[in-house]
Every structure is written in structure tokens, then in C-alpha cells.
Amino acid sequence: MRRFALLVSAASVLVANTVGAVKLGGGITGAAPPDKNSAKCEGKVAKAGARTIVKLTGCHVKAAKAVAKGKTFDEESCEQSILGAFATTSGPGCPSCLSNLKGSVVEQFVDQTAFVKFCGGTAALGDSDDNGMVPADAKAVKCETKVAIASGIHAAAITNCNAALAKQLFKGKTFDTASCEAKATSRLMATKTTDCPSCIRLEAIDSFQKFLLHANAGLVFCASPSGAFVGGVLD
């Protein structure tokens, strides 16, 4: 669980450094953008992060299907091709604190949550940084990969809810984050798990992913009027 600790502890560094900022609140770390440029950059990075989570989850799905059939799949190459695109998201003129949100952080989220989606087998899924297990049989493959895809979409939706909250606070408006996230939860909970192993628990996936995404939102919504966000590199 070292990666889990890294994500949470780094987010705590960022929260501790908020000075003169309008915090997102509701257990979500980070602050509303202090200016138009920060709002544009952080919004762009949040959307890119959401897309990247879905795509990286796709690498796990492909790996699970291939390994279950006795085939090989270069999961690392799959992930790196996706992370290369994410690295170009934050450009010149964006808050310097966004440099703390490296592609490896997004990869850590997907890797460390793999064990709640691919949990029923005995053989390790992917390389040493993945926490999941290869599905035990054909039915489990179909079910667990379906859950993984739904979980990726769920995580992206929660990320977009965080982004919508930050955007509205920047405009001096309010945003119903609870309703936004409830829709994401509802979609996830509608996923059929009939042929999944008993270790698949959608409510656990929902709460675990929300916890991590809330705890690390400050890596995206990091700019403050004082420029205080300067730490939290997770390499």
C-alpha cells in the first residue's frame, strides 16, 4: 500500500499550504482558481486526467483478457503511450504547481485501485506496480473487465464533478457536488456483477475511488493567490 500512502500524504502537503485561497470544501482538497488563466489550465488538466484514467483502465482490461487466454500483453507500453499525451496537457503560462501532477500520479491511481476490480484470481495482473489479479475463468474475465470499465468511467465522472465545482466557485457561484457525484455512483452501481467473484463490491469501489480522487484534487486545483502550492511531487 506504499503508493496509497504516497498519494494521500502528498495531497496533505498541498492542503497544508493553502493560503488566501477559496477551498473546494466538502472533503475535496484544492482551491478555486484565483484567476482566469489558472481556471483554464486547471480545467484542461482535469479533463485530460479524466480521459487518461479511462484509457489506462483500458490497458488493464486488455491485459486481463490476454493473460486469461494464455497470451502476453505489453501493458507498460500501452500505459506509456497514453501517459505521453497527458504530459503535454499543462503548457506555458499555466500555474507552476501543475508540474507536480505527473502522468505517474494518474497511473498510480489506476494501478492501486486495480485490486478492487480484478480481485478473484491468483496470478498477478500486469507488472509489479499493479495490484490486480488475473480473472479466474471466462465468466470472471467478462464480468471483472465490465466492472473495470465502469469503474474507470466512474472515476472520470468524479474528476469532472471536482472540475465543475472549481469552475463554479471561480465564478462566484455554487455547485451541487453531491448530486453530480450521486449520478456517477448510480451509473456504477447499475453495473451487473452476476458472474463476478464475491470480492467485487461496487459500493467499495465507489467509496475508495472517491476518497482517493478527493484527497488528490489539490494536485489539479493547486493555484492560490499567494502562490503557496509548491510541494507534493510524487515521484
Protein backbone atom coordinates (compact mmCIF):
# COMPACT_ATOMS: atom_id res chain seq x y z
CA MET A 1 0.00 0.00 0.00
CA ARG A 2 3.01 2.33 -0.35
CA ARG A 3 1.53 4.05 -3.40
CA PHE A 4 -1.68 4.71 -1.49
CA ALA A 5 0.32 6.40 1.27
CA LEU A 6 2.25 8.48 -1.25
CA LEU A 7 -0.88 9.86 -2.86
CA VAL A 8 -2.57 10.75 0.41
CA SER A 9 0.50 12.21 2.13
CA ALA A 10 1.38 14.40 -0.83
CA ALA A 11 -2.16 15.71 -1.01
CA SER A 12 -1.88 16.61 2.67
CA VAL A 13 1.19 18.72 1.91
CA LEU A 14 -0.81 20.71 -0.61
CA VAL A 15 -3.77 21.21 1.70
CA ALA A 16 -1.48 22.45 4.46
CA ASN A 17 -0.10 25.09 2.10
CA THR A 18 -3.37 26.75 1.10
CA VAL A 19 -3.02 30.44 1.84
CA GLY A 20 -5.61 33.05 0.88
CA ALA A 21 -7.48 30.55 -1.25
CA VAL A 22 -11.16 29.61 -1.56
CA LYS A 23 -11.07 25.93 -0.71
CA LEU A 24 -13.21 23.49 -2.69
CA GLY A 25 -14.55 22.05 0.56
CA GLY A 26 -16.70 19.02 1.23
CA GLY A 27 -13.64 16.85 1.82
CA ILE A 28 -12.26 17.73 -1.62
CA THR A 29 -8.73 19.13 -1.47
CA GLY A 30 -7.57 22.08 -3.51
CA ALA A 31 -8.86 25.56 -4.14
CA ALA A 32 -10.89 27.51 -6.64
CA PRO A 33 -8.68 29.01 -9.37
CA PRO A 34 -7.52 32.53 -8.42
CA ASP A 35 -7.59 33.87 -11.97
CA LYS A 36 -8.88 33.18 -15.48
CA ASN A 37 -5.64 31.66 -16.73
CA SER A 38 -5.41 29.23 -13.82
CA ALA A 39 -9.06 28.28 -14.30
CA LYS A 40 -8.47 27.47 -17.97
CA CYS A 41 -5.30 25.47 -17.32
CA GLU A 42 -6.61 23.52 -14.35
CA GLY A 43 -9.87 22.74 -16.11
CA LYS A 44 -7.96 21.45 -19.11
CA VAL A 45 -5.72 19.26 -16.95
CA ALA A 46 -8.72 17.86 -15.02
CA LYS A 47 -10.47 16.83 -18.24
CA ALA A 48 -7.25 15.28 -19.56
CA GLY A 49 -6.82 13.40 -16.29
CA ALA A 50 -10.35 12.02 -16.53
CA ARG A 51 -9.73 10.80 -20.09
CA THR A 52 -6.38 9.32 -19.08
CA ILE A 53 -7.93 7.29 -16.24
CA VAL A 54 -10.39 5.72 -18.69
CA LYS A 55 -7.66 4.94 -21.21
CA LEU A 56 -5.27 3.48 -18.62
CA THR A 57 -8.08 1.31 -17.31
CA GLY A 58 -8.42 0.07 -20.88
CA CYS A 59 -4.82 -1.18 -20.69
CA HIS A 60 -5.73 -3.26 -17.62
CA VAL A 61 -8.78 -4.64 -19.39
CA LYS A 62 -6.71 -5.67 -22.42
CA ALA A 63 -4.08 -7.23 -20.16
CA ALA A 64 -6.68 -9.22 -18.21
CA LYS A 65 -8.30 -10.58 -21.37
CA ALA A 66 -4.96 -11.51 -22.95
CA VAL A 67 -3.35 -13.15 -19.90
CA ALA A 68 -6.53 -15.11 -19.14
CA LYS A 69 -6.18 -16.65 -22.61
CA GLY A 70 -2.54 -17.52 -22.01
CA LYS A 71 -1.31 -14.70 -24.22
CA THR A 72 1.04 -11.83 -23.46
CA PHE A 73 0.23 -8.14 -23.47
CA ASP A 74 2.69 -5.28 -23.11
CA GLU A 75 0.72 -3.32 -20.55
CA GLU A 76 3.60 -0.95 -19.78
CA SER A 77 3.88 0.15 -23.41
CA CYS A 78 0.12 0.62 -23.52
CA GLU A 79 0.25 2.85 -20.45
CA GLN A 80 3.29 4.85 -21.53
CA SER A 81 1.77 5.71 -24.91
CA ILE A 82 -1.21 7.20 -23.05
CA LEU A 83 0.86 9.00 -20.43
CA GLY A 84 2.94 10.65 -23.11
CA ALA A 85 -0.12 12.51 -24.32
CA PHE A 86 -1.10 13.54 -20.79
CA ALA A 87 2.36 15.03 -20.17
CA THR A 88 1.74 17.73 -22.80
CA THR A 89 -1.52 18.94 -21.21
CA SER A 90 -0.12 21.69 -18.99
CA GLY A 91 1.55 24.27 -21.20
CA PRO A 92 3.36 27.61 -20.86
CA GLY A 93 1.59 30.17 -18.72
CA CYS A 94 -0.09 27.57 -16.50
CA PRO A 95 0.43 27.59 -12.71
CA SER A 96 3.82 26.09 -11.87
CA CYS A 97 2.20 23.86 -9.24
CA LEU A 98 0.64 21.77 -12.02
CA SER A 99 4.09 20.35 -12.68
CA ASN A 100 3.51 18.26 -9.53
CA LEU A 101 0.76 16.33 -11.31
CA LYS A 102 2.81 13.98 -13.43
CA GLY A 103 1.41 11.17 -15.51
CA SER A 104 2.86 8.73 -13.00
CA VAL A 105 0.41 10.02 -10.38
CA VAL A 106 -2.57 9.23 -12.60
CA GLU A 107 -1.03 5.84 -13.34
CA GLN A 108 -0.68 5.18 -9.61
CA PHE A 109 -4.38 5.80 -9.11
CA VAL A 110 -5.35 3.26 -11.77
CA ASP A 111 -2.77 0.70 -10.64
CA GLN A 112 -3.55 0.89 -6.95
CA THR A 113 -7.31 0.61 -7.45
CA ALA A 114 -6.94 -2.45 -9.70
CA PHE A 115 -7.30 -4.83 -6.75
CA VAL A 116 -10.94 -3.85 -6.17
CA LYS A 117 -11.80 -4.62 -9.81
CA PHE A 118 -9.58 -7.61 -10.57
CA CYS A 119 -9.66 -9.49 -7.29
CA GLY A 120 -10.77 -13.08 -7.81
CA GLY A 121 -7.77 -14.79 -9.36
CA THR A 122 -4.40 -15.98 -8.08
CA ALA A 123 -1.95 -14.81 -10.76
CA ALA A 124 -0.74 -11.21 -10.77
CA LEU A 125 -2.17 -8.90 -13.40
CA GLY A 126 0.45 -6.89 -15.29
CA ASP A 127 3.81 -5.84 -13.90
CA SER A 128 4.99 -5.29 -10.33
CA ASP A 129 3.26 -1.93 -9.87
CA ASP A 130 -0.23 -3.35 -10.47
CA ASN A 131 -2.35 -4.60 -7.59
CA GLY A 132 -4.89 -6.68 -9.52
CA MET A 133 -5.18 -10.38 -10.22
CA VAL A 134 -5.94 -12.18 -13.49
CA PRO A 135 -9.62 -13.27 -13.61
CA ALA A 136 -10.03 -16.96 -12.78
CA ASP A 137 -12.21 -18.03 -15.72
CA ALA A 138 -14.04 -16.81 -18.83
CA LYS A 139 -17.10 -15.61 -16.90
CA ALA A 140 -14.93 -13.73 -14.44
CA VAL A 141 -13.00 -12.12 -17.30
CA LYS A 142 -16.20 -10.83 -18.84
CA CYS A 143 -17.62 -9.60 -15.55
CA GLU A 144 -14.49 -8.10 -13.99
CA THR A 145 -13.47 -6.27 -17.16
CA LYS A 146 -17.00 -4.84 -17.35
CA VAL A 147 -16.65 -3.65 -13.76
CA ALA A 148 -13.22 -2.17 -14.52
CA ILE A 149 -14.57 -0.20 -17.48
CA ALA A 150 -17.49 1.07 -15.38
CA SER A 151 -15.05 2.00 -12.61
CA GLY A 152 -12.88 3.99 -15.00
CA ILE A 153 -15.93 5.90 -16.20
CA HIS A 154 -16.95 6.46 -12.57
CA ALA A 155 -13.53 7.88 -11.66
CA ALA A 156 -13.59 10.17 -14.69
CA ALA A 157 -17.06 11.40 -13.73
CA ILE A 158 -15.97 12.19 -10.15
CA THR A 159 -12.95 14.07 -11.53
CA ASN A 160 -15.25 16.08 -13.79
CA CYS A 161 -17.51 16.86 -10.81
CA ASN A 162 -14.48 18.26 -8.99
CA ALA A 163 -13.65 20.34 -12.04
CA ALA A 164 -17.20 21.67 -12.29
CA LEU A 165 -17.09 22.66 -8.61
CA ALA A 166 -13.83 24.56 -9.05
CA LYS A 167 -15.15 26.32 -12.15
CA GLN A 168 -18.34 27.48 -10.46
CA LEU A 169 -16.53 28.66 -7.32
CA PHE A 170 -14.18 30.68 -9.53
CA LYS A 171 -17.25 32.37 -10.98
CA GLY A 172 -18.55 33.09 -7.51
CA LYS A 173 -21.37 30.58 -7.87
CA THR A 174 -22.35 27.40 -6.05
CA PHE A 175 -22.34 23.83 -7.36
CA ASP A 176 -24.23 20.76 -6.18
CA THR A 177 -21.30 18.37 -5.97
CA ALA A 178 -23.32 15.76 -4.09
CA SER A 179 -25.88 15.47 -6.89
CA CYS A 180 -23.15 15.33 -9.53
CA GLU A 181 -21.34 12.53 -7.73
CA ALA A 182 -24.59 10.71 -6.96
CA LYS A 183 -25.18 10.34 -10.69
CA ALA A 184 -21.71 8.80 -11.10
CA THR A 185 -22.38 6.43 -8.21
CA SER A 186 -25.75 5.44 -9.65
CA ARG A 187 -24.22 4.55 -13.01
CA LEU A 188 -21.53 2.46 -11.34
CA MET A 189 -23.99 0.65 -9.08
CA ALA A 190 -26.11 -0.28 -12.11
CA THR A 191 -23.27 -2.49 -13.38
CA LYS A 192 -24.31 -6.15 -13.37
CA THR A 193 -21.99 -8.40 -11.37
CA THR A 194 -23.82 -11.74 -11.63
CA ASP A 195 -20.77 -13.71 -12.83
CA CYS A 196 -18.18 -11.77 -10.85
CA PRO A 197 -16.33 -13.28 -7.87
CA SER A 198 -17.75 -12.37 -4.45
CA CYS A 199 -14.84 -9.98 -3.80
CA ILE A 200 -16.29 -7.50 -6.32
CA ARG A 201 -18.18 -4.88 -4.31
CA LEU A 202 -19.35 -1.86 -6.25
CA GLU A 203 -20.01 0.19 -3.13
CA ALA A 204 -16.38 -0.33 -2.06
CA ILE A 205 -15.12 0.77 -5.46
CA ASP A 206 -17.32 3.86 -5.28
CA SER A 207 -16.09 4.93 -1.83
CA PHE A 208 -12.42 4.05 -2.43
CA GLN A 209 -12.17 5.93 -5.70
CA LYS A 210 -13.98 8.96 -4.30
CA PHE A 211 -11.65 9.01 -1.31
CA LEU A 212 -8.51 9.00 -3.45
CA LEU A 213 -9.83 11.49 -6.00
CA HIS A 214 -11.00 13.89 -3.29
CA ALA A 215 -7.71 13.56 -1.42
CA ASN A 216 -5.70 14.36 -4.54
CA ALA A 217 -7.84 17.02 -6.23
CA GLY A 218 -5.40 19.55 -4.79
CA LEU A 219 -2.80 18.35 -7.28
CA VAL A 220 -5.02 19.73 -10.06
CA PHE A 221 -6.68 22.69 -8.37
CA CYS A 222 -3.45 23.89 -6.83
CA ALA A 223 -3.02 27.58 -7.67
CA SER A 224 -3.68 30.07 -4.89
CA PRO A 225 -3.48 33.87 -4.67
CA SER A 226 -0.31 33.61 -2.61
CA GLY A 227 1.35 31.07 -4.92
CA ALA A 228 1.74 28.81 -1.90
CA PHE A 229 1.39 25.45 -3.64
CA VAL A 230 4.98 24.47 -4.27
CA GLY A 231 5.31 20.92 -2.91
CA GLY A 232 3.87 17.48 -3.33
CA VAL A 233 5.94 15.84 -6.06
CA LEU A 234 5.07 12.14 -6.02
CA ASP A 235 7.95 10.55 -7.89
